[in-house]
Amino acid sequence: MFDHVGLSVRDVKKSVRFYQAALAPLGLVVASSDDNSAGLGPEGSPALWLNRSKSSNAVHLAFRAKNRAAVDKFHAAGLDAGGKDNGKPGIRADYSASYYAAFLIDPDGNNVEAVFLG
């Protein structure tokens, strides 16, 4: 388990717009923000930090969803907020018969996933 994750982003506002839209269906919100950073997570408990940087090293983040509908909404909201499709919502049988996920590329090239295991 992790306590928090920090991502280097070039444009904090653009990244907040993407993550706020994509993660809202998963119950996560912007819990803290200023001109150089923002923290998202459950209300009052930011765990994903977006920090302004001139460069970015792409990473993979996977967020647990409560159901398949939340995965679908994550994907749609992320696309509407400027993300790029990296895998439409669906079963990933190569992972397991119950692994339902969707993947997006965020504004800084990170691979972001929502997954429902059930």
PDB file of N, CA and C in Angstrom:
ATOM      1  N   MET A   1       0.832  -1.178   0.000  1.00  0.00           N
ATOM      2  CA  MET A   1       0.000   0.000   0.000  1.00  0.00           C
ATOM      3  C   MET A   1       0.876   1.241   0.000  1.00  0.00           C
ATOM      4  N   PHE A   2       0.344   2.303  -0.521  1.00  0.00           N
ATOM      5  CA  PHE A   2       1.085   3.556  -0.507  1.00  0.00           C
ATOM      6  C   PHE A   2       0.339   4.599   0.309  1.00  0.00           C
ATOM      7  N   ASP A   3       1.093   5.579   0.795  1.00  0.00           N
ATOM      8  CA  ASP A   3       0.490   6.697   1.506  1.00  0.00           C
ATOM      9  C   ASP A   3       0.080   7.779   0.526  1.00  0.00           C
ATOM     10  N   HIS A   4       0.969   8.085  -0.416  1.00  0.00           N
ATOM     11  CA  HIS A   4       0.660   9.056  -1.458  1.00  0.00           C
ATOM     12  C   HIS A   4       1.599   8.848  -2.645  1.00  0.00           C
ATOM     13  N   VAL A   5       1.206   9.408  -3.778  1.00  0.00           N
ATOM     14  CA  VAL A   5       1.987   9.339  -5.011  1.00  0.00           C
ATOM     15  C   VAL A   5       2.118  10.752  -5.545  1.00  0.00           C
ATOM     16  N   GLY A   6       3.295  11.097  -6.032  1.00  0.00           N
ATOM     17  CA  GLY A   6       3.499  12.401  -6.647  1.00  0.00           C
ATOM     18  C   GLY A   6       3.838  12.253  -8.110  1.00  0.00           C
ATOM     19  N   LEU A   7       3.182  13.041  -8.955  1.00  0.00           N
ATOM     20  CA  LEU A   7       3.474  13.056 -10.386  1.00  0.00           C
ATOM     21  C   LEU A   7       4.026  14.420 -10.768  1.00  0.00           C
ATOM     22  N   SER A   8       5.047  14.431 -11.588  1.00  0.00           N
ATOM     23  CA  SER A   8       5.543  15.673 -12.153  1.00  0.00           C
ATOM     24  C   SER A   8       4.702  16.010 -13.367  1.00  0.00           C
ATOM     25  N   VAL A   9       4.171  17.235 -13.404  1.00  0.00           N
ATOM     26  CA  VAL A   9       3.322  17.669 -14.515  1.00  0.00           C
ATOM     27  C   VAL A   9       3.813  19.017 -15.022  1.00  0.00           C
ATOM     28  N   ARG A  10       3.624  19.264 -16.305  1.00  0.00           N
ATOM     29  CA  ARG A  10       4.054  20.533 -16.892  1.00  0.00           C
ATOM     30  C   ARG A  10       3.047  21.642 -16.629  1.00  0.00           C
ATOM     31  N   ASP A  11       1.754  21.324 -16.629  1.00  0.00           N
ATOM     32  CA  ASP A  11       0.700  22.327 -16.479  1.00  0.00           C
ATOM     33  C   ASP A  11      -0.275  21.837 -15.401  1.00  0.00           C
ATOM     34  N   VAL A  12      -0.167  22.397 -14.198  1.00  0.00           N
ATOM     35  CA  VAL A  12      -0.981  21.931 -13.069  1.00  0.00           C
ATOM     36  C   VAL A  12      -2.466  22.083 -13.366  1.00  0.00           C
ATOM     37  N   LYS A  13      -2.890  23.224 -13.904  1.00  0.00           N
ATOM     38  CA  LYS A  13      -4.315  23.443 -14.163  1.00  0.00           C
ATOM     39  C   LYS A  13      -4.865  22.432 -15.168  1.00  0.00           C
ATOM     40  N   LYS A  14      -4.115  22.177 -16.227  1.00  0.00           N
ATOM     41  CA  LYS A  14      -4.556  21.215 -17.245  1.00  0.00           C
ATOM     42  C   LYS A  14      -4.643  19.808 -16.642  1.00  0.00           C
ATOM     43  N   SER A  15      -3.655  19.450 -15.839  1.00  0.00           N
ATOM     44  CA  SER A  15      -3.656  18.127 -15.211  1.00  0.00           C
ATOM     45  C   SER A  15      -4.776  17.998 -14.184  1.00  0.00           C
ATOM     46  N   VAL A  16      -5.030  19.061 -13.410  1.00  0.00           N
ATOM     47  CA  VAL A  16      -6.135  19.027 -12.447  1.00  0.00           C
ATOM     48  C   VAL A  16      -7.456  18.837 -13.178  1.00  0.00           C
ATOM     49  N   ARG A  17      -7.638  19.540 -14.282  1.00  0.00           N
ATOM     50  CA  ARG A  17      -8.883  19.411 -15.057  1.00  0.00           C
ATOM     51  C   ARG A  17      -9.084  17.948 -15.488  1.00  0.00           C
ATOM     52  N   PHE A  18      -8.013  17.311 -15.993  1.00  0.00           N
ATOM     53  CA  PHE A  18      -8.096  15.905 -16.417  1.00  0.00           C
ATOM     54  C   PHE A  18      -8.400  14.983 -15.227  1.00  0.00           C
ATOM     55  N   TYR A  19      -7.582  15.045 -14.177  1.00  0.00           N
ATOM     56  CA  TYR A  19      -7.756  14.126 -13.051  1.00  0.00           C
ATOM     57  C   TYR A  19      -9.052  14.367 -12.294  1.00  0.00           C
ATOM     58  N   GLN A  20      -9.455  15.620 -12.152  1.00  0.00           N
ATOM     59  CA  GLN A  20     -10.710  15.921 -11.465  1.00  0.00           C
ATOM     60  C   GLN A  20     -11.882  15.283 -12.203  1.00  0.00           C
ATOM     61  N   ALA A  21     -11.896  15.394 -13.521  1.00  0.00           N
ATOM     62  CA  ALA A  21     -12.982  14.804 -14.310  1.00  0.00           C
ATOM     63  C   ALA A  21     -12.912  13.280 -14.304  1.00  0.00           C
ATOM     64  N   ALA A  22     -11.729  12.728 -14.544  1.00  0.00           N
ATOM     65  CA  ALA A  22     -11.595  11.273 -14.651  1.00  0.00           C
ATOM     66  C   ALA A  22     -11.813  10.562 -13.321  1.00  0.00           C
ATOM     67  N   LEU A  23     -11.409  11.182 -12.213  1.00  0.00           N
ATOM     68  CA  LEU A  23     -11.492  10.504 -10.918  1.00  0.00           C
ATOM     69  C   LEU A  23     -12.778  10.772 -10.151  1.00  0.00           C
ATOM     70  N   ALA A  24     -13.572  11.754 -10.582  1.00  0.00           N
ATOM     71  CA  ALA A  24     -14.853  12.022  -9.911  1.00  0.00           C
ATOM     72  C   ALA A  24     -15.755  10.781  -9.871  1.00  0.00           C
ATOM     73  N   PRO A  25     -15.864   9.992 -10.966  1.00  0.00           N
ATOM     74  CA  PRO A  25     -16.707   8.794 -10.894  1.00  0.00           C
ATOM     75  C   PRO A  25     -16.196   7.753  -9.889  1.00  0.00           C
ATOM     76  N   LEU A  26     -14.937   7.888  -9.467  1.00  0.00           N
ATOM     77  CA  LEU A  26     -14.364   6.963  -8.491  1.00  0.00           C
ATOM     78  C   LEU A  26     -14.475   7.512  -7.072  1.00  0.00           C
ATOM     79  N   GLY A  27     -15.132   8.669  -6.931  1.00  0.00           N
ATOM     80  CA  GLY A  27     -15.351   9.258  -5.615  1.00  0.00           C
ATOM     81  C   GLY A  27     -14.196  10.098  -5.110  1.00  0.00           C
ATOM     82  N   LEU A  28     -13.269  10.488  -5.979  1.00  0.00           N
ATOM     83  CA  LEU A  28     -12.105  11.270  -5.566  1.00  0.00           C
ATOM     84  C   LEU A  28     -12.260  12.714  -6.005  1.00  0.00           C
ATOM     85  N   VAL A  29     -11.736  13.637  -5.205  1.00  0.00           N
ATOM     86  CA  VAL A  29     -11.897  15.073  -5.438  1.00  0.00           C
ATOM     87  C   VAL A  29     -10.557  15.789  -5.271  1.00  0.00           C
ATOM     88  N   VAL A  30     -10.505  17.045  -5.704  1.00  0.00           N
ATOM     89  CA  VAL A  30      -9.348  17.892  -5.417  1.00  0.00           C
ATOM     90  C   VAL A  30      -9.473  18.294  -3.950  1.00  0.00           C
ATOM     91  N   ALA A  31      -8.525  17.847  -3.137  1.00  0.00           N
ATOM     92  CA  ALA A  31      -8.586  18.081  -1.701  1.00  0.00           C
ATOM     93  C   ALA A  31      -7.650  19.201  -1.253  1.00  0.00           C
ATOM     94  N   SER A  32      -6.731  19.613  -2.130  1.00  0.00           N
ATOM     95  CA  SER A  32      -5.782  20.673  -1.817  1.00  0.00           C
ATOM     96  C   SER A  32      -5.211  21.187  -3.133  1.00  0.00           C
ATOM     97  N   SER A  33      -4.974  22.508  -3.232  1.00  0.00           N
ATOM     98  CA  SER A  33      -4.355  23.015  -4.454  1.00  0.00           C
ATOM     99  C   SER A  33      -3.781  24.411  -4.251  1.00  0.00           C
ATOM    100  N   ASP A  34      -2.749  24.714  -5.029  1.00  0.00           N
ATOM    101  CA  ASP A  34      -2.195  26.053  -5.148  1.00  0.00           C
ATOM    102  C   ASP A  34      -1.642  26.180  -6.562  1.00  0.00           C
ATOM    103  N   ASP A  35      -0.892  27.230  -6.855  1.00  0.00           N
ATOM    104  CA  ASP A  35      -0.403  27.444  -8.223  1.00  0.00           C
ATOM    105  C   ASP A  35       0.602  26.395  -8.690  1.00  0.00           C
ATOM    106  N   ASN A  36       1.285  25.725  -7.759  1.00  0.00           N
ATOM    107  CA  ASN A  36       2.350  24.798  -8.129  1.00  0.00           C
ATOM    108  C   ASN A  36       2.035  23.337  -7.874  1.00  0.00           C
ATOM    109  N   SER A  37       0.909  23.044  -7.239  1.00  0.00           N
ATOM    110  CA  SER A  37       0.586  21.648  -6.958  1.00  0.00           C
ATOM    111  C   SER A  37      -0.898  21.498  -6.652  1.00  0.00           C
ATOM    112  N   ALA A  38      -1.348  20.241  -6.697  1.00  0.00           N
ATOM    113  CA  ALA A  38      -2.716  19.897  -6.305  1.00  0.00           C
ATOM    114  C   ALA A  38      -2.705  18.481  -5.759  1.00  0.00           C
ATOM    115  N   GLY A  39      -3.549  18.244  -4.763  1.00  0.00           N
ATOM    116  CA  GLY A  39      -3.676  16.921  -4.179  1.00  0.00           C
ATOM    117  C   GLY A  39      -5.092  16.408  -4.345  1.00  0.00           C
ATOM    118  N   LEU A  40      -5.226  15.197  -4.881  1.00  0.00           N
ATOM    119  CA  LEU A  40      -6.534  14.580  -5.076  1.00  0.00           C
ATOM    120  C   LEU A  40      -6.639  13.325  -4.227  1.00  0.00           C
ATOM    121  N   GLY A  41      -7.871  12.998  -3.851  1.00  0.00           N
ATOM    122  CA  GLY A  41      -8.129  11.798  -3.070  1.00  0.00           C
ATOM    123  C   GLY A  41      -9.510  11.878  -2.479  1.00  0.00           C
ATOM    124  N   PRO A  42      -9.776  11.094  -1.443  1.00  0.00           N
ATOM    125  CA  PRO A  42     -11.035  11.249  -0.729  1.00  0.00           C
ATOM    126  C   PRO A  42     -11.061  12.643  -0.091  1.00  0.00           C
ATOM    127  N   GLU A  43     -12.230  13.191   0.137  1.00  0.00           N
ATOM    128  CA  GLU A  43     -12.368  14.515   0.754  1.00  0.00           C
ATOM    129  C   GLU A  43     -11.487  14.610   1.999  1.00  0.00           C
ATOM    130  N   GLY A  44     -10.600  15.613   2.036  1.00  0.00           N
ATOM    131  CA  GLY A  44      -9.736  15.835   3.187  1.00  0.00           C
ATOM    132  C   GLY A  44      -8.505  14.950   3.275  1.00  0.00           C
ATOM    133  N   SER A  45      -8.309  14.034   2.316  1.00  0.00           N
ATOM    134  CA  SER A  45      -7.166  13.113   2.368  1.00  0.00           C
ATOM    135  C   SER A  45      -6.471  12.996   1.013  1.00  0.00           C
ATOM    136  N   PRO A  46      -5.819  14.051   0.556  1.00  0.00           N
ATOM    137  CA  PRO A  46      -5.149  13.961  -0.736  1.00  0.00           C
ATOM    138  C   PRO A  46      -4.057  12.895  -0.723  1.00  0.00           C
ATOM    139  N   ALA A  47      -4.014  12.090  -1.760  1.00  0.00           N
ATOM    140  CA  ALA A  47      -3.018  11.019  -1.859  1.00  0.00           C
ATOM    141  C   ALA A  47      -2.324  11.011  -3.214  1.00  0.00           C
ATOM    142  N   LEU A  48      -2.917  11.660  -4.216  1.00  0.00           N
ATOM    143  CA  LEU A  48      -2.284  11.796  -5.527  1.00  0.00           C
ATOM    144  C   LEU A  48      -1.904  13.260  -5.682  1.00  0.00           C
ATOM    145  N   TRP A  49      -0.617  13.531  -5.700  1.00  0.00           N
ATOM    146  CA  TRP A  49      -0.130  14.908  -5.792  1.00  0.00           C
ATOM    147  C   TRP A  49       0.391  15.195  -7.185  1.00  0.00           C
ATOM    148  N   LEU A  50      -0.057  16.298  -7.754  1.00  0.00           N
ATOM    149  CA  LEU A  50       0.396  16.780  -9.059  1.00  0.00           C
ATOM    150  C   LEU A  50       1.290  17.984  -8.791  1.00  0.00           C
ATOM    151  N   ASN A  51       2.561  17.874  -9.139  1.00  0.00           N
ATOM    152  CA  ASN A  51       3.540  18.917  -8.843  1.00  0.00           C
ATOM    153  C   ASN A  51       4.131  19.485 -10.122  1.00  0.00           C
ATOM    154  N   ARG A  52       4.135  20.819 -10.222  1.00  0.00           N
ATOM    155  CA  ARG A  52       4.678  21.483 -11.406  1.00  0.00           C
ATOM    156  C   ARG A  52       6.153  21.133 -11.583  1.00  0.00           C
ATOM    157  N   SER A  53       6.502  20.773 -12.832  1.00  0.00           N
ATOM    158  CA  SER A  53       7.873  20.448 -13.191  1.00  0.00           C
ATOM    159  C   SER A  53       8.066  20.738 -14.675  1.00  0.00           C
ATOM    160  N   LYS A  54       9.280  20.980 -15.074  1.00  0.00           N
ATOM    161  CA  LYS A  54       9.558  21.248 -16.495  1.00  0.00           C
ATOM    162  C   LYS A  54       9.571  19.969 -17.317  1.00  0.00           C
ATOM    163  N   SER A  55       9.728  18.833 -16.668  1.00  0.00           N
ATOM    164  CA  SER A  55       9.728  17.568 -17.395  1.00  0.00           C
ATOM    165  C   SER A  55       8.878  16.555 -16.647  1.00  0.00           C
ATOM    166  N   SER A  56       8.559  15.478 -17.338  1.00  0.00           N
ATOM    167  CA  SER A  56       7.705  14.449 -16.763  1.00  0.00           C
ATOM    168  C   SER A  56       8.260  13.079 -17.128  1.00  0.00           C
ATOM    169  N   ASN A  57       8.268  12.164 -16.183  1.00  0.00           N
ATOM    170  CA  ASN A  57       8.621  10.773 -16.445  1.00  0.00           C
ATOM    171  C   ASN A  57       7.333   9.967 -16.341  1.00  0.00           C
ATOM    172  N   ALA A  58       6.922   9.361 -17.435  1.00  0.00           N
ATOM    173  CA  ALA A  58       5.642   8.657 -17.476  1.00  0.00           C
ATOM    174  C   ALA A  58       5.622   7.493 -16.482  1.00  0.00           C
ATOM    175  N   VAL A  59       4.482   7.337 -15.824  1.00  0.00           N
ATOM    176  CA  VAL A  59       4.253   6.239 -14.886  1.00  0.00           C
ATOM    177  C   VAL A  59       2.887   5.617 -15.177  1.00  0.00           C
ATOM    178  N   HIS A  60       2.593   4.520 -14.516  1.00  0.00           N
ATOM    179  CA  HIS A  60       1.290   3.866 -14.596  1.00  0.00           C
ATOM    180  C   HIS A  60       0.632   3.966 -13.230  1.00  0.00           C
ATOM    181  N   LEU A  61      -0.619   4.467 -13.202  1.00  0.00           N
ATOM    182  CA  LEU A  61      -1.413   4.536 -11.979  1.00  0.00           C
ATOM    183  C   LEU A  61      -2.709   3.775 -12.200  1.00  0.00           C
ATOM    184  N   ALA A  62      -3.092   2.939 -11.244  1.00  0.00           N
ATOM    185  CA  ALA A  62      -4.367   2.228 -11.332  1.00  0.00           C
ATOM    186  C   ALA A  62      -5.205   2.576 -10.111  1.00  0.00           C
ATOM    187  N   PHE A  63      -6.452   2.985 -10.358  1.00  0.00           N
ATOM    188  CA  PHE A  63      -7.385   3.353  -9.304  1.00  0.00           C
ATOM    189  C   PHE A  63      -8.487   2.315  -9.233  1.00  0.00           C
ATOM    190  N   ARG A  64      -8.841   1.889  -8.030  1.00  0.00           N
ATOM    191  CA  ARG A  64      -9.904   0.913  -7.812  1.00  0.00           C
ATOM    192  C   ARG A  64     -11.258   1.593  -7.974  1.00  0.00           C
ATOM    193  N   ALA A  65     -12.132   0.994  -8.760  1.00  0.00           N
ATOM    194  CA  ALA A  65     -13.494   1.500  -8.963  1.00  0.00           C
ATOM    195  C   ALA A  65     -14.485   0.628  -8.185  1.00  0.00           C
ATOM    196  N   LYS A  66     -15.638   1.204  -7.833  1.00  0.00           N
ATOM    197  CA  LYS A  66     -16.658   0.475  -7.066  1.00  0.00           C
ATOM    198  C   LYS A  66     -17.474  -0.472  -7.927  1.00  0.00           C
ATOM    199  N   ASN A  67     -17.531  -0.195  -9.236  1.00  0.00           N
ATOM    200  CA  ASN A  67     -18.308  -1.036 -10.139  1.00  0.00           C
ATOM    201  C   ASN A  67     -17.905  -0.736 -11.593  1.00  0.00           C
ATOM    202  N   ARG A  68     -18.462  -1.488 -12.518  1.00  0.00           N
ATOM    203  CA  ARG A  68     -18.131  -1.296 -13.929  1.00  0.00           C
ATOM    204  C   ARG A  68     -18.593   0.059 -14.452  1.00  0.00           C
ATOM    205  N   ALA A  69     -19.729   0.524 -13.963  1.00  0.00           N
ATOM    206  CA  ALA A  69     -20.240   1.830 -14.407  1.00  0.00           C
ATOM    207  C   ALA A  69     -19.249   2.946 -14.067  1.00  0.00           C
ATOM    208  N   ALA A  70     -18.600   2.854 -12.918  1.00  0.00           N
ATOM    209  CA  ALA A  70     -17.605   3.867 -12.542  1.00  0.00           C
ATOM    210  C   ALA A  70     -16.405   3.830 -13.484  1.00  0.00           C
ATOM    211  N   VAL A  71     -16.005   2.633 -13.914  1.00  0.00           N
ATOM    212  CA  VAL A  71     -14.908   2.507 -14.890  1.00  0.00           C
ATOM    213  C   VAL A  71     -15.314   3.184 -16.200  1.00  0.00           C
ATOM    214  N   ASP A  72     -16.531   2.917 -16.641  1.00  0.00           N
ATOM    215  CA  ASP A  72     -17.030   3.523 -17.885  1.00  0.00           C
ATOM    216  C   ASP A  72     -17.046   5.054 -17.781  1.00  0.00           C
ATOM    217  N   LYS A  73     -17.525   5.564 -16.651  1.00  0.00           N
ATOM    218  CA  LYS A  73     -17.601   7.018 -16.448  1.00  0.00           C
ATOM    219  C   LYS A  73     -16.213   7.637 -16.353  1.00  0.00           C
ATOM    220  N   PHE A  74     -15.277   6.958 -15.702  1.00  0.00           N
ATOM    221  CA  PHE A  74     -13.875   7.404 -15.638  1.00  0.00           C
ATOM    222  C   PHE A  74     -13.335   7.617 -17.044  1.00  0.00           C
ATOM    223  N   HIS A  75     -13.533   6.639 -17.904  1.00  0.00           N
ATOM    224  CA  HIS A  75     -13.013   6.697 -19.272  1.00  0.00           C
ATOM    225  C   HIS A  75     -13.645   7.845 -20.047  1.00  0.00           C
ATOM    226  N   ALA A  76     -14.948   7.961 -19.988  1.00  0.00           N
ATOM    227  CA  ALA A  76     -15.652   9.018 -20.723  1.00  0.00           C
ATOM    228  C   ALA A  76     -15.271  10.405 -20.212  1.00  0.00           C
ATOM    229  N   ALA A  77     -15.240  10.574 -18.903  1.00  0.00           N
ATOM    230  CA  ALA A  77     -14.905  11.877 -18.327  1.00  0.00           C
ATOM    231  C   ALA A  77     -13.461  12.258 -18.626  1.00  0.00           C
ATOM    232  N   GLY A  78     -12.565  11.295 -18.579  1.00  0.00           N
ATOM    233  CA  GLY A  78     -11.161  11.567 -18.884  1.00  0.00           C
ATOM    234  C   GLY A  78     -10.958  11.979 -20.330  1.00  0.00           C
ATOM    235  N   LEU A  79     -11.673  11.325 -21.249  1.00  0.00           N
ATOM    236  CA  LEU A  79     -11.592  11.710 -22.661  1.00  0.00           C
ATOM    237  C   LEU A  79     -12.121  13.124 -22.857  1.00  0.00           C
ATOM    238  N   ASP A  80     -13.242  13.439 -22.224  1.00  0.00           N
ATOM    239  CA  ASP A  80     -13.826  14.779 -22.333  1.00  0.00           C
ATOM    240  C   ASP A  80     -12.903  15.852 -21.766  1.00  0.00           C
ATOM    241  N   ALA A  81     -12.060  15.475 -20.814  1.00  0.00           N
ATOM    242  CA  ALA A  81     -11.161  16.435 -20.171  1.00  0.00           C
ATOM    243  C   ALA A  81      -9.783  16.491 -20.827  1.00  0.00           C
ATOM    244  N   GLY A  82      -9.643  15.886 -22.002  1.00  0.00           N
ATOM    245  CA  GLY A  82      -8.386  15.995 -22.738  1.00  0.00           C
ATOM    246  C   GLY A  82      -7.481  14.787 -22.698  1.00  0.00           C
ATOM    247  N   GLY A  83      -7.903  13.714 -22.030  1.00  0.00           N
ATOM    248  CA  GLY A  83      -7.100  12.496 -22.031  1.00  0.00           C
ATOM    249  C   GLY A  83      -7.205  11.774 -23.360  1.00  0.00           C
ATOM    250  N   LYS A  84      -6.285  10.848 -23.590  1.00  0.00           N
ATOM    251  CA  LYS A  84      -6.296  10.049 -24.817  1.00  0.00           C
ATOM    252  C   LYS A  84      -6.594   8.597 -24.461  1.00  0.00           C
ATOM    253  N   ASP A  85      -7.396   7.961 -25.301  1.00  0.00           N
ATOM    254  CA  ASP A  85      -7.752   6.560 -25.075  1.00  0.00           C
ATOM    255  C   ASP A  85      -6.512   5.683 -25.142  1.00  0.00           C
ATOM    256  N   ASN A  86      -6.379   4.799 -24.152  1.00  0.00           N
ATOM    257  CA  ASN A  86      -5.303   3.813 -24.162  1.00  0.00           C
ATOM    258  C   ASN A  86      -5.868   2.429 -23.852  1.00  0.00           C
ATOM    259  N   GLY A  87      -7.180   2.276 -24.019  1.00  0.00           N
ATOM    260  CA  GLY A  87      -7.859   1.011 -23.782  1.00  0.00           C
ATOM    261  C   GLY A  87      -9.271   1.255 -23.290  1.00  0.00           C
ATOM    262  N   LYS A  88     -10.233   1.005 -24.156  1.00  0.00           N
ATOM    263  CA  LYS A  88     -11.648   1.232 -23.810  1.00  0.00           C
ATOM    264  C   LYS A  88     -12.072   0.315 -22.671  1.00  0.00           C
ATOM    265  N   PRO A  89     -13.139   0.684 -21.952  1.00  0.00           N
ATOM    266  CA  PRO A  89     -13.620  -0.159 -20.860  1.00  0.00           C
ATOM    267  C   PRO A  89     -13.971  -1.565 -21.340  1.00  0.00           C
ATOM    268  N   GLY A  90     -13.556  -2.545 -20.567  1.00  0.00           N
ATOM    269  CA  GLY A  90     -13.877  -3.919 -20.903  1.00  0.00           C
ATOM    270  C   GLY A  90     -13.120  -4.913 -20.044  1.00  0.00           C
ATOM    271  N   ILE A  91     -13.489  -6.169 -20.197  1.00  0.00           N
ATOM    272  CA  ILE A  91     -12.807  -7.263 -19.499  1.00  0.00           C
ATOM    273  C   ILE A  91     -11.414  -7.429 -20.090  1.00  0.00           C
ATOM    274  N   ARG A  92     -10.433  -7.605 -19.219  1.00  0.00           N
ATOM    275  CA  ARG A  92      -9.056  -7.897 -19.633  1.00  0.00           C
ATOM    276  C   ARG A  92      -8.788  -9.354 -19.264  1.00  0.00           C
ATOM    277  N   ALA A  93      -9.242 -10.250 -20.124  1.00  0.00           N
ATOM    278  CA  ALA A  93      -9.162 -11.691 -19.851  1.00  0.00           C
ATOM    279  C   ALA A  93      -7.724 -12.165 -19.675  1.00  0.00           C
ATOM    280  N   ASP A  94      -6.773 -11.445 -20.280  1.00  0.00           N
ATOM    281  CA  ASP A  94      -5.373 -11.844 -20.107  1.00  0.00           C
ATOM    282  C   ASP A  94      -4.887 -11.563 -18.684  1.00  0.00           C
ATOM    283  N   TYR A  95      -5.591 -10.686 -17.932  1.00  0.00           N
ATOM    284  CA  TYR A  95      -5.278 -10.445 -16.517  1.00  0.00           C
ATOM    285  C   TYR A  95      -6.068 -11.423 -15.651  1.00  0.00           C
ATOM    286  N   SER A  96      -7.401 -11.439 -15.847  1.00  0.00           N
ATOM    287  CA  SER A  96      -8.280 -12.408 -15.191  1.00  0.00           C
ATOM    288  C   SER A  96      -9.669 -12.262 -15.786  1.00  0.00           C
ATOM    289  N   ALA A  97     -10.521 -13.241 -15.575  1.00  0.00           N
ATOM    290  CA  ALA A  97     -11.871 -13.236 -16.146  1.00  0.00           C
ATOM    291  C   ALA A  97     -12.757 -12.159 -15.532  1.00  0.00           C
ATOM    292  N   SER A  98     -12.353 -11.604 -14.381  1.00  0.00           N
ATOM    293  CA  SER A  98     -13.177 -10.590 -13.719  1.00  0.00           C
ATOM    294  C   SER A  98     -12.500  -9.214 -13.676  1.00  0.00           C
ATOM    295  N   TYR A  99     -11.447  -9.022 -14.459  1.00  0.00           N
ATOM    296  CA  TYR A  99     -10.687  -7.764 -14.452  1.00  0.00           C
ATOM    297  C   TYR A  99     -11.290  -6.825 -15.484  1.00  0.00           C
ATOM    298  N   TYR A 100     -12.112  -5.874 -15.030  1.00  0.00           N
ATOM    299  CA  TYR A 100     -12.784  -4.907 -15.903  1.00  0.00           C
ATOM    300  C   TYR A 100     -12.061  -3.571 -15.742  1.00  0.00           C
ATOM    301  N   ALA A 101     -11.506  -3.048 -16.828  1.00  0.00           N
ATOM    302  CA  ALA A 101     -10.679  -1.855 -16.713  1.00  0.00           C
ATOM    303  C   ALA A 101     -10.776  -0.977 -17.951  1.00  0.00           C
ATOM    304  N   ALA A 102     -10.312   0.260 -17.787  1.00  0.00           N
ATOM    305  CA  ALA A 102     -10.165   1.208 -18.888  1.00  0.00           C
ATOM    306  C   ALA A 102      -8.870   1.974 -18.650  1.00  0.00           C
ATOM    307  N   PHE A 103      -8.253   2.424 -19.736  1.00  0.00           N
ATOM    308  CA  PHE A 103      -6.958   3.101 -19.655  1.00  0.00           C
ATOM    309  C   PHE A 103      -6.990   4.417 -20.420  1.00  0.00           C
ATOM    310  N   LEU A 104      -6.341   5.426 -19.847  1.00  0.00           N
ATOM    311  CA  LEU A 104      -6.214   6.740 -20.471  1.00  0.00           C
ATOM    312  C   LEU A 104      -4.761   7.205 -20.389  1.00  0.00           C
ATOM    313  N   ILE A 105      -4.365   8.040 -21.328  1.00  0.00           N
ATOM    314  CA  ILE A 105      -3.093   8.742 -21.252  1.00  0.00           C
ATOM    315  C   ILE A 105      -3.424  10.170 -20.813  1.00  0.00           C
ATOM    316  N   ASP A 106      -2.816  10.613 -19.704  1.00  0.00           N
ATOM    317  CA  ASP A 106      -3.088  11.955 -19.190  1.00  0.00           C
ATOM    318  C   ASP A 106      -2.308  13.005 -19.987  1.00  0.00           C
ATOM    319  N   PRO A 107      -2.488  14.298 -19.696  1.00  0.00           N
ATOM    320  CA  PRO A 107      -1.824  15.339 -20.475  1.00  0.00           C
ATOM    321  C   PRO A 107      -0.293  15.281 -20.457  1.00  0.00           C
ATOM    322  N   ASP A 108       0.300  14.550 -19.507  1.00  0.00           N
ATOM    323  CA  ASP A 108       1.754  14.447 -19.427  1.00  0.00           C
ATOM    324  C   ASP A 108       2.290  13.086 -19.855  1.00  0.00           C
ATOM    325  N   GLY A 109       1.424  12.252 -20.452  1.00  0.00           N
ATOM    326  CA  GLY A 109       1.881  10.955 -20.969  1.00  0.00           C
ATOM    327  C   GLY A 109       1.809   9.809 -20.001  1.00  0.00           C
ATOM    328  N   ASN A 110       1.234  10.007 -18.823  1.00  0.00           N
ATOM    329  CA  ASN A 110       1.090   8.918 -17.855  1.00  0.00           C
ATOM    330  C   ASN A 110      -0.067   8.010 -18.225  1.00  0.00           C
ATOM    331  N   ASN A 111       0.082   6.722 -18.003  1.00  0.00           N
ATOM    332  CA  ASN A 111      -0.959   5.740 -18.261  1.00  0.00           C
ATOM    333  C   ASN A 111      -1.799   5.587 -16.996  1.00  0.00           C
ATOM    334  N   VAL A 112      -3.079   5.983 -17.079  1.00  0.00           N
ATOM    335  CA  VAL A 112      -3.955   5.986 -15.917  1.00  0.00           C
ATOM    336  C   VAL A 112      -5.079   4.975 -16.153  1.00  0.00           C
ATOM    337  N   GLU A 113      -5.308   4.129 -15.156  1.00  0.00           N
ATOM    338  CA  GLU A 113      -6.269   3.032 -15.273  1.00  0.00           C
ATOM    339  C   GLU A 113      -7.303   3.112 -14.161  1.00  0.00           C
ATOM    340  N   ALA A 114      -8.523   2.735 -14.474  1.00  0.00           N
ATOM    341  CA  ALA A 114      -9.540   2.451 -13.461  1.00  0.00           C
ATOM    342  C   ALA A 114      -9.897   0.985 -13.616  1.00  0.00           C
ATOM    343  N   VAL A 115      -9.980   0.269 -12.493  1.00  0.00           N
ATOM    344  CA  VAL A 115     -10.230  -1.173 -12.540  1.00  0.00           C
ATOM    345  C   VAL A 115     -11.283  -1.565 -11.515  1.00  0.00           C
ATOM    346  N   PHE A 116     -12.177  -2.462 -11.946  1.00  0.00           N
ATOM    347  CA  PHE A 116     -13.126  -3.100 -11.047  1.00  0.00           C
ATOM    348  C   PHE A 116     -12.849  -4.593 -11.088  1.00  0.00           C
ATOM    349  N   LEU A 117     -12.628  -5.167  -9.927  1.00  0.00           N
ATOM    350  CA  LEU A 117     -12.326  -6.606  -9.823  1.00  0.00           C
ATOM    351  C   LEU A 117     -13.558  -7.306  -9.260  1.00  0.00           C
ATOM    352  N   GLY A 118     -14.389  -7.782 -10.145  1.00  0.00           N
ATOM    353  CA  GLY A 118     -15.580  -8.446  -9.626  1.00  0.00           C
ATOM    354  C   GLY A 118     -16.542  -8.840 -10.678  1.00  0.00           C
TER     355      GLY A 118
END
